[in-house]
Amino acid sequence: MDGQTGPMRILLVLDTAFVNGGQAKVAIDSALGLKARGHEPEIFAAVGPVAPELQAAGIPVHCLDQSELVKDGSVVKAAWRGIDNREAAGALEGVLAHLPRGESVVHVHGWAKALSSAIAGPIARSGLPSLYTMHEYFLLCPNGGFYNYQKHTHCPLEPLSMRCIATHCDSRSYLHKAWRVARTVVMKHVHHLPGVMRDVAYFHPFQRAIIERHLPEGTRLHEIANPVEVEDLGPKPEPSSGEIIFLGRISMEKGVFVYAEAARRAGIVPVFVGDGPLAVELAKRYPEARLLGWHDAAGVRKRLREARALVFPSLWYEGQPLTVLEALGLGTPVIAADQCAGRESVIDGETGLWFRQADPDDLARALRMMMDDETVWRMSEAAYRRYWADPFSIERHCRRLEQVYGELLARP
């Protein structure tokens, strides 16, 4: 177990006991990987059902069978539960009480969709070492993204400053923003979650630069990249035969209109794989666009493998976009916005291209460059070679977790 003297007990804390997004997928994949390496992971979650792969692996799951806040039938109850989920706190207290000291670690992956920051008290009282993975930014920012959803720009405001509180930046309404402010005040000043989680995992240096100045003094930071599911299919036989595609949720913050406009200016047809709230509007404004709809995992991999390039035009910071890494592992170059986390995995001019975020003219320049067959061949080969020299495998991820968990357990 790579230097570990014995198996560790890890309680992974997250909102859902099944995969409903990248956050849950990373947590559940890591539980399975740690179990395979001889450790004893457990899951604590608010929302079911329990993922069948956890049951098949014999991983204990403590699931409260609550609903996600957005699916609660009572707006008032959901609002209060999102601020202070006492049932979750009490259940977590009981689970933590039975974990053996000296070999157990608490790893929080998420709380904002169901658990609430009330989990902080039980974790603090348990005295167990704990780690928090910064999948998004709710530990620091009321809307979780350092992003103004009304202006569709990065937000430079200090969280919970008067300007922050007065600014309508929420994707829904200012009333919802006010609730999120109240939740953040309770999270920070009543439950003290940032103070309890003094060890924070981040994905790459770009993300560290975003979060470091907002964390409490003395917070220890640990770089832990996410695992990526991608099969080694070898170098692409015909890298330049496909199209330049967007893959993901068709929404404003993902930069879909920036790509569509840039493609029009570059004289190419934009291709979108995915679905979302703006699909109809996108098709109306850009009738030349090809919208291929939602694909399952196998379909996504097929599209990525066949693509000439992936375009990642996101307008917000992101965490660690797994689609970018998956594309590179399949030998597909990536065109990424220079002020989002997607750029961190792309070597500009070698495995893909950067462009100025939110600038359709600069993206059009990058698209035209990627239409050159020789450029695509060179970048495809480099993307494949670079990725597989040190792949983002579950084994690599779990080795790094073991190292960090070991440091936490060794600390007085």
Protein backbone atom coordinates (compact mmCIF):
# COMPACT_ATOMS: atom_id res chain seq x y z
CA MET A 1 0.00 0.00 0.00
CA ASP A 2 2.83 2.35 -0.97
CA GLY A 3 4.36 3.02 2.41
CA GLN A 4 1.25 2.62 4.55
CA THR A 5 1.77 0.38 7.57
CA GLY A 6 -1.80 -0.84 7.53
CA PRO A 7 -5.28 -0.26 6.17
CA MET A 8 -6.97 3.06 6.87
CA ARG A 9 -10.63 3.82 7.59
CA ILE A 10 -11.91 6.67 5.41
CA LEU A 11 -15.36 8.19 5.81
CA LEU A 12 -16.25 9.94 2.56
CA VAL A 13 -18.92 12.61 3.14
CA LEU A 14 -20.99 13.85 0.19
CA ASP A 15 -24.52 14.83 -0.74
CA THR A 16 -25.54 11.82 -2.86
CA ALA A 17 -24.80 8.10 -2.57
CA PHE A 18 -24.95 7.71 -6.35
CA VAL A 19 -23.24 9.37 -9.32
CA ASN A 20 -25.13 12.49 -10.40
CA GLY A 21 -22.13 14.57 -11.44
CA GLY A 22 -18.37 14.88 -11.30
CA GLN A 23 -18.21 15.46 -7.55
CA ALA A 24 -20.02 12.24 -6.63
CA LYS A 25 -18.21 10.28 -9.33
CA VAL A 26 -14.79 11.20 -7.96
CA ALA A 27 -15.84 10.34 -4.40
CA ILE A 28 -17.39 6.99 -5.34
CA ASP A 29 -14.54 6.04 -7.69
CA SER A 30 -12.03 6.83 -4.96
CA ALA A 31 -13.98 4.69 -2.47
CA LEU A 32 -13.85 1.77 -4.90
CA GLY A 33 -10.17 2.34 -5.59
CA LEU A 34 -9.26 2.57 -1.91
CA LYS A 35 -11.21 -0.59 -1.16
CA ALA A 36 -9.29 -2.43 -3.90
CA ARG A 37 -6.03 -1.28 -2.30
CA GLY A 38 -6.91 -2.83 1.07
CA HIS A 39 -8.42 0.13 2.92
CA GLU A 40 -11.84 0.36 4.57
CA PRO A 41 -13.80 3.25 3.04
CA GLU A 42 -17.35 4.14 4.07
CA ILE A 43 -19.82 6.59 2.54
CA PHE A 44 -22.00 9.06 4.43
CA ALA A 45 -24.61 10.72 2.20
CA ALA A 46 -27.96 12.46 2.46
CA VAL A 47 -29.58 11.41 -0.82
CA GLY A 48 -30.17 7.93 -2.26
CA PRO A 49 -30.38 5.53 -3.93
CA VAL A 50 -27.09 3.83 -3.14
CA ALA A 51 -24.89 3.20 -6.17
CA PRO A 52 -24.94 -0.56 -6.95
CA GLU A 53 -21.17 -0.61 -7.43
CA LEU A 54 -20.73 0.40 -3.79
CA GLN A 55 -22.97 -2.44 -2.67
CA ALA A 56 -21.16 -4.92 -4.92
CA ALA A 57 -17.80 -3.89 -3.44
CA GLY A 58 -19.07 -4.32 0.13
CA ILE A 59 -18.54 -0.66 1.02
CA PRO A 60 -20.76 0.43 3.94
CA VAL A 61 -23.06 3.33 3.03
CA HIS A 62 -24.86 5.46 5.61
CA CYS A 63 -27.64 7.07 3.55
CA LEU A 64 -30.35 9.28 5.07
CA ASP A 65 -32.70 8.93 2.09
CA GLN A 66 -33.37 12.64 2.06
CA SER A 67 -34.03 14.59 -1.13
CA GLU A 68 -31.80 17.14 -2.78
CA LEU A 69 -32.80 20.66 -1.80
CA VAL A 70 -34.01 21.52 -5.30
CA LYS A 71 -36.32 18.48 -5.29
CA ASP A 72 -37.88 19.06 -1.87
CA GLY A 73 -41.64 19.58 -2.08
CA SER A 74 -41.54 22.36 0.51
CA VAL A 75 -39.53 25.45 -0.36
CA VAL A 76 -39.50 26.60 3.28
CA LYS A 77 -38.29 23.27 4.63
CA ALA A 78 -35.68 22.97 1.91
CA ALA A 79 -34.41 26.49 2.63
CA TRP A 80 -33.96 25.73 6.31
CA ARG A 81 -32.50 22.26 5.73
CA GLY A 82 -29.97 23.77 3.35
CA ILE A 83 -28.78 26.07 6.12
CA ASP A 84 -28.92 23.67 9.07
CA ASN A 85 -29.62 20.00 8.40
CA ARG A 86 -29.85 18.77 11.98
CA GLU A 87 -30.82 15.23 10.99
CA ALA A 88 -27.64 14.92 8.94
CA ALA A 89 -25.53 16.36 11.74
CA GLY A 90 -26.96 13.94 14.30
CA ALA A 91 -26.53 10.91 12.06
CA LEU A 92 -22.96 11.90 11.20
CA GLU A 93 -22.16 12.30 14.89
CA GLY A 94 -23.20 8.69 15.48
CA VAL A 95 -21.17 7.34 12.57
CA LEU A 96 -18.04 9.25 13.59
CA ALA A 97 -18.28 7.99 17.17
CA HIS A 98 -17.66 4.43 15.99
CA LEU A 99 -14.57 5.14 13.86
CA PRO A 100 -11.33 4.00 15.52
CA ARG A 101 -8.87 6.75 16.38
CA GLY A 102 -5.40 6.68 14.89
CA GLU A 103 -6.46 5.04 11.63
CA SER A 104 -9.54 6.98 10.50
CA VAL A 105 -9.84 10.04 8.26
CA VAL A 106 -12.91 12.09 7.30
CA HIS A 107 -12.93 13.29 3.67
CA VAL A 108 -15.64 15.81 2.73
CA HIS A 109 -16.51 16.01 -0.98
CA GLY A 110 -19.75 18.01 -0.82
CA TRP A 111 -22.42 19.49 1.43
CA ALA A 112 -24.25 22.27 -0.44
CA LYS A 113 -26.96 20.22 -2.21
CA ALA A 114 -28.37 18.42 0.82
CA LEU A 115 -26.15 17.95 3.90
CA SER A 116 -25.59 21.63 4.84
CA SER A 117 -22.61 22.99 6.75
CA ALA A 118 -24.05 21.52 9.97
CA ILE A 119 -21.65 18.62 9.35
CA ALA A 120 -18.85 20.84 10.69
CA GLY A 121 -19.76 20.41 14.37
CA PRO A 122 -19.71 16.59 14.43
CA ILE A 123 -16.43 16.50 12.49
CA ALA A 124 -14.80 18.99 14.87
CA ARG A 125 -16.02 17.15 17.97
CA SER A 126 -14.84 13.80 16.65
CA GLY A 127 -11.22 14.94 16.77
CA LEU A 128 -10.50 12.94 13.62
CA PRO A 129 -8.25 14.37 10.91
CA SER A 130 -10.28 15.70 8.00
CA LEU A 131 -9.76 16.72 4.38
CA TYR A 132 -11.98 18.88 2.14
CA THR A 133 -11.85 18.64 -1.66
CA MET A 134 -12.61 21.93 -3.44
CA HIS A 135 -14.86 20.53 -6.20
CA GLU A 136 -16.61 23.92 -6.33
CA TYR A 137 -16.32 27.07 -4.24
CA PHE A 138 -19.26 27.05 -1.81
CA LEU A 139 -16.80 26.91 1.10
CA LEU A 140 -15.76 30.43 0.09
CA CYS A 141 -18.35 32.02 -2.24
CA PRO A 142 -22.15 32.26 -1.74
CA ASN A 143 -23.00 31.09 -5.27
CA GLY A 144 -20.19 28.57 -5.38
CA GLY A 145 -18.44 29.83 -8.49
CA PHE A 146 -16.80 33.26 -8.07
CA TYR A 147 -18.99 33.97 -11.09
CA ASN A 148 -21.67 36.56 -11.86
CA TYR A 149 -24.46 34.65 -13.59
CA GLN A 150 -26.21 37.89 -14.55
CA LYS A 151 -23.22 39.45 -16.32
CA HIS A 152 -21.55 36.13 -17.19
CA THR A 153 -18.14 37.21 -15.96
CA HIS A 154 -15.76 36.22 -13.18
CA CYS A 155 -16.61 37.93 -9.89
CA PRO A 156 -13.74 39.90 -8.27
CA LEU A 157 -15.69 40.82 -5.13
CA GLU A 158 -14.67 39.71 -1.65
CA PRO A 159 -17.19 37.07 -0.51
CA LEU A 160 -19.68 38.43 2.05
CA SER A 161 -18.46 42.01 1.59
CA MET A 162 -21.19 44.65 1.37
CA ARG A 163 -20.71 44.83 -2.41
CA CYS A 164 -21.00 41.05 -2.62
CA ILE A 165 -24.20 41.00 -0.57
CA ALA A 166 -25.74 43.83 -2.62
CA THR A 167 -24.87 42.29 -6.00
CA HIS A 168 -27.41 40.12 -7.81
CA CYS A 169 -25.09 37.45 -9.22
CA ASP A 170 -27.30 34.38 -8.81
CA SER A 171 -28.50 32.29 -11.73
CA ARG A 172 -32.07 32.52 -10.39
CA SER A 173 -33.21 35.53 -8.38
CA TYR A 174 -31.81 38.00 -5.88
CA LEU A 175 -34.02 36.33 -3.25
CA HIS A 176 -32.15 33.10 -3.89
CA LYS A 177 -28.86 35.00 -3.64
CA ALA A 178 -30.00 36.42 -0.27
CA TRP A 179 -30.70 32.88 0.96
CA ARG A 180 -27.25 31.79 -0.22
CA VAL A 181 -25.68 34.72 1.63
CA ALA A 182 -27.51 33.68 4.81
CA ARG A 183 -26.34 30.10 4.33
CA THR A 184 -22.75 31.25 3.85
CA VAL A 185 -22.89 33.44 6.97
CA VAL A 186 -24.10 30.46 9.01
CA MET A 187 -21.55 28.17 7.37
CA LYS A 188 -18.68 30.53 8.18
CA HIS A 189 -19.65 32.17 11.49
CA VAL A 190 -22.00 29.65 13.19
CA HIS A 191 -20.91 26.21 11.98
CA HIS A 192 -17.33 27.37 11.25
CA LEU A 193 -16.88 24.89 8.39
CA PRO A 194 -13.83 26.68 6.85
CA GLY A 195 -12.17 26.69 10.25
CA VAL A 196 -12.86 22.99 10.80
CA MET A 197 -11.59 21.94 7.37
CA ARG A 198 -8.00 23.08 7.79
CA ASP A 199 -6.68 20.66 5.16
CA VAL A 200 -7.98 21.42 1.68
CA ALA A 201 -7.37 19.49 -1.54
CA TYR A 202 -7.16 21.40 -4.80
CA PHE A 203 -6.66 20.09 -8.34
CA HIS A 204 -3.93 22.23 -9.93
CA PRO A 205 -2.02 25.53 -9.51
CA PHE A 206 -4.66 27.53 -11.43
CA GLN A 207 -7.27 26.60 -8.82
CA ARG A 208 -4.90 27.20 -5.92
CA ALA A 209 -4.40 30.79 -7.09
CA ILE A 210 -8.19 31.31 -6.97
CA ILE A 211 -8.83 29.94 -3.48
CA GLU A 212 -5.67 30.56 -1.45
CA ARG A 213 -6.30 34.18 -0.47
CA HIS A 214 -9.86 33.40 0.70
CA LEU A 215 -8.96 30.53 3.06
CA PRO A 216 -8.36 30.97 6.80
CA GLU A 217 -4.75 31.59 7.75
CA GLY A 218 -2.95 28.33 8.45
CA THR A 219 -5.02 26.21 6.07
CA ARG A 220 -2.84 23.45 4.60
CA LEU A 221 -3.21 22.87 0.86
CA HIS A 222 -2.72 19.54 -0.92
CA GLU A 223 -2.66 19.11 -4.70
CA ILE A 224 -4.69 16.02 -5.64
CA ALA A 225 -5.75 15.61 -9.26
CA ASN A 226 -8.98 13.78 -10.02
CA PRO A 227 -8.97 10.34 -11.67
CA VAL A 228 -10.09 10.04 -15.28
CA GLU A 229 -11.75 7.07 -16.94
CA VAL A 230 -10.17 6.77 -20.38
CA GLU A 231 -9.01 3.73 -22.34
CA ASP A 232 -5.62 3.66 -24.05
CA LEU A 233 -6.65 3.18 -27.68
CA GLY A 234 -3.25 4.08 -29.04
CA PRO A 235 -2.40 7.07 -31.25
CA LYS A 236 -5.17 8.20 -33.58
CA PRO A 237 -4.91 6.70 -37.07
CA GLU A 238 -6.58 9.73 -38.74
CA PRO A 239 -6.50 12.75 -36.38
CA SER A 240 -7.67 15.29 -38.96
CA SER A 241 -10.74 13.44 -40.20
CA GLY A 242 -13.26 14.65 -37.63
CA GLU A 243 -14.99 17.87 -36.56
CA ILE A 244 -14.30 20.40 -33.83
CA ILE A 245 -16.86 19.65 -31.11
CA PHE A 246 -18.20 21.11 -27.87
CA LEU A 247 -19.14 18.53 -25.27
CA GLY A 248 -21.19 19.28 -22.16
CA ARG A 249 -24.12 21.22 -20.77
CA ILE A 250 -25.58 23.74 -23.20
CA SER A 251 -25.76 26.73 -20.87
CA MET A 252 -24.45 30.28 -20.89
CA GLU A 253 -21.61 29.79 -18.40
CA LYS A 254 -20.20 26.99 -20.56
CA GLY A 255 -19.51 29.50 -23.34
CA VAL A 256 -21.71 27.86 -25.98
CA PHE A 257 -22.57 31.15 -27.70
CA VAL A 258 -18.91 32.18 -27.76
CA TYR A 259 -18.12 28.96 -29.66
CA ALA A 260 -21.09 29.29 -32.02
CA GLU A 261 -20.20 32.88 -32.89
CA ALA A 262 -16.50 32.07 -33.30
CA ALA A 263 -17.34 29.16 -35.60
CA ARG A 264 -19.51 31.44 -37.75
CA ARG A 265 -16.64 33.95 -38.03
CA ALA A 266 -14.17 31.16 -38.82
CA GLY A 267 -16.48 29.76 -41.49
CA ILE A 268 -16.98 26.33 -39.92
CA VAL A 269 -20.04 24.48 -38.61
CA PRO A 270 -20.15 24.31 -34.78
CA VAL A 271 -20.97 20.87 -33.39
CA PHE A 272 -22.50 20.42 -29.93
CA VAL A 273 -22.68 17.12 -28.04
CA GLY A 274 -24.92 17.46 -25.01
CA ASP A 275 -28.11 19.13 -23.89
CA GLY A 276 -29.19 21.95 -21.64
CA PRO A 277 -31.53 24.86 -21.02
CA LEU A 278 -30.26 26.96 -23.94
CA ALA A 279 -30.35 24.30 -26.66
CA VAL A 280 -33.47 25.73 -28.31
CA GLU A 281 -32.17 29.30 -28.23
CA LEU A 282 -28.79 28.18 -29.57
CA ALA A 283 -30.44 26.41 -32.52
CA LYS A 284 -32.58 29.48 -33.23
CA ARG A 285 -29.71 31.97 -33.17
CA TYR A 286 -27.28 29.70 -35.01
CA PRO A 287 -29.33 27.52 -37.38
CA GLU A 288 -26.12 26.26 -39.01
CA ALA A 289 -25.08 24.59 -35.72
CA ARG A 290 -25.33 20.81 -35.39
CA LEU A 291 -26.85 19.82 -32.02
CA LEU A 292 -26.31 16.09 -31.51
CA GLY A 293 -28.02 15.86 -28.11
CA TRP A 294 -27.19 13.88 -25.01
CA HIS A 295 -24.89 10.82 -25.29
CA ASP A 296 -24.14 8.04 -22.82
CA ALA A 297 -20.55 7.47 -21.64
CA ALA A 298 -19.68 5.19 -24.55
CA GLY A 299 -21.14 7.68 -27.02
CA VAL A 300 -19.17 10.53 -25.48
CA ARG A 301 -15.90 8.61 -25.76
CA LYS A 302 -16.68 7.75 -29.39
CA ARG A 303 -17.36 11.39 -30.25
CA LEU A 304 -14.19 12.53 -28.48
CA ARG A 305 -12.06 9.93 -30.23
CA GLU A 306 -13.44 10.83 -33.65
CA ALA A 307 -13.21 14.61 -33.18
CA ARG A 308 -10.56 16.76 -34.80
CA ALA A 309 -10.46 18.81 -31.59
CA LEU A 310 -12.49 19.58 -28.46
CA VAL A 311 -13.35 23.21 -27.76
CA PHE A 312 -13.71 24.17 -24.09
CA PRO A 313 -14.96 27.78 -24.01
CA SER A 314 -16.19 27.94 -20.40
CA LEU A 315 -16.81 31.41 -18.96
CA TRP A 316 -16.36 30.47 -15.29
CA TYR A 317 -13.32 29.10 -13.47
CA GLU A 318 -14.41 25.43 -13.33
CA GLY A 319 -12.77 22.89 -11.00
CA GLN A 320 -10.94 20.20 -12.96
CA PRO A 321 -12.78 19.51 -16.24
CA LEU A 322 -12.52 15.76 -16.79
CA THR A 323 -13.68 16.07 -20.41
CA VAL A 324 -10.48 17.92 -21.28
CA LEU A 325 -8.30 15.19 -19.81
CA GLU A 326 -10.35 12.44 -21.42
CA ALA A 327 -9.98 14.12 -24.82
CA LEU A 328 -6.20 14.38 -24.46
CA GLY A 329 -5.99 10.72 -23.41
CA LEU A 330 -7.84 9.80 -26.60
CA GLY A 331 -5.41 11.81 -28.70
CA THR A 332 -7.76 14.74 -29.33
CA PRO A 333 -6.27 18.25 -29.03
CA VAL A 334 -8.16 20.81 -26.94
CA ILE A 335 -8.89 24.50 -27.56
CA ALA A 336 -9.39 26.01 -24.08
CA ALA A 337 -10.30 29.43 -22.71
CA ASP A 338 -7.26 30.92 -20.99
CA GLN A 339 -9.06 31.97 -17.78
CA CYS A 340 -10.71 28.66 -16.90
CA ALA A 341 -9.26 25.50 -15.38
CA GLY A 342 -9.47 23.68 -18.71
CA ARG A 343 -6.30 25.44 -19.81
CA GLU A 344 -4.28 23.85 -17.01
CA SER A 345 -4.17 20.50 -18.81
CA VAL A 346 -3.39 21.98 -22.24
CA ILE A 347 0.10 22.96 -23.37
CA ASP A 348 -0.56 25.94 -25.64
CA GLY A 349 0.79 25.24 -29.11
CA GLU A 350 1.70 21.62 -28.32
CA THR A 351 -1.33 19.60 -27.14
CA GLY A 352 -3.89 22.26 -28.06
CA LEU A 353 -4.47 25.99 -28.05
CA TRP A 354 -5.48 28.68 -25.59
CA PHE A 355 -7.68 31.61 -26.56
CA ARG A 356 -8.76 34.74 -24.73
CA GLN A 357 -11.78 33.81 -22.65
CA ALA A 358 -15.13 35.15 -23.93
CA ASP A 359 -13.47 36.50 -27.11
CA PRO A 360 -15.10 34.98 -30.22
CA ASP A 361 -12.55 36.61 -32.54
CA ASP A 362 -9.63 35.00 -30.74
CA LEU A 363 -11.44 31.68 -30.60
CA ALA A 364 -12.09 31.99 -34.36
CA ARG A 365 -8.32 32.39 -34.81
CA ALA A 366 -7.73 29.18 -32.84
CA LEU A 367 -10.43 27.33 -34.80
CA ARG A 368 -8.82 28.33 -38.10
CA MET A 369 -5.44 27.11 -36.86
CA MET A 370 -7.00 23.78 -35.87
CA MET A 371 -8.38 23.33 -39.38
CA ASP A 372 -4.81 22.84 -40.61
CA ASP A 373 -4.27 19.07 -40.99
CA GLU A 374 -0.55 19.15 -40.19
CA THR A 375 -1.20 21.09 -36.97
CA VAL A 376 -3.87 18.63 -35.88
CA TRP A 377 -1.64 15.59 -36.55
CA ARG A 378 1.21 17.11 -34.55
CA MET A 379 -1.00 18.11 -31.62
CA SER A 380 -2.88 14.80 -31.58
CA GLU A 381 0.35 12.85 -31.28
CA ALA A 382 1.62 15.18 -28.55
CA ALA A 383 -1.67 15.04 -26.62
CA TYR A 384 -1.69 11.24 -26.61
CA ARG A 385 2.00 10.93 -25.74
CA ARG A 386 1.91 13.53 -22.95
CA TYR A 387 -1.22 12.10 -21.32
CA TRP A 388 -0.08 8.49 -21.25
CA ALA A 389 3.39 9.38 -19.96
CA ASP A 390 1.68 9.97 -16.60
CA PRO A 391 -2.04 9.12 -16.88
CA PHE A 392 -4.63 10.39 -14.41
CA SER A 393 -5.54 6.86 -13.35
CA ILE A 394 -7.50 5.80 -10.29
CA GLU A 395 -4.31 4.14 -9.03
CA ARG A 396 -2.42 7.42 -9.22
CA HIS A 397 -5.28 9.21 -7.48
CA CYS A 398 -5.45 6.66 -4.66
CA ARG A 399 -1.68 6.69 -4.14
CA ARG A 400 -1.85 10.44 -3.65
CA LEU A 401 -4.82 10.09 -1.27
CA GLU A 402 -2.86 7.53 0.76
CA GLN A 403 0.03 9.95 1.00
CA VAL A 404 -2.14 12.84 2.20
CA TYR A 405 -4.20 10.68 4.56
CA GLY A 406 -0.95 9.35 6.00
CA GLU A 407 0.27 12.89 6.62
CA LEU A 408 -2.95 13.76 8.39
CA LEU A 409 -2.81 10.68 10.61
CA ALA A 410 0.85 11.24 11.48
CA ARG A 411 0.20 14.79 12.64
CA PRO A 412 -0.14 15.20 16.44
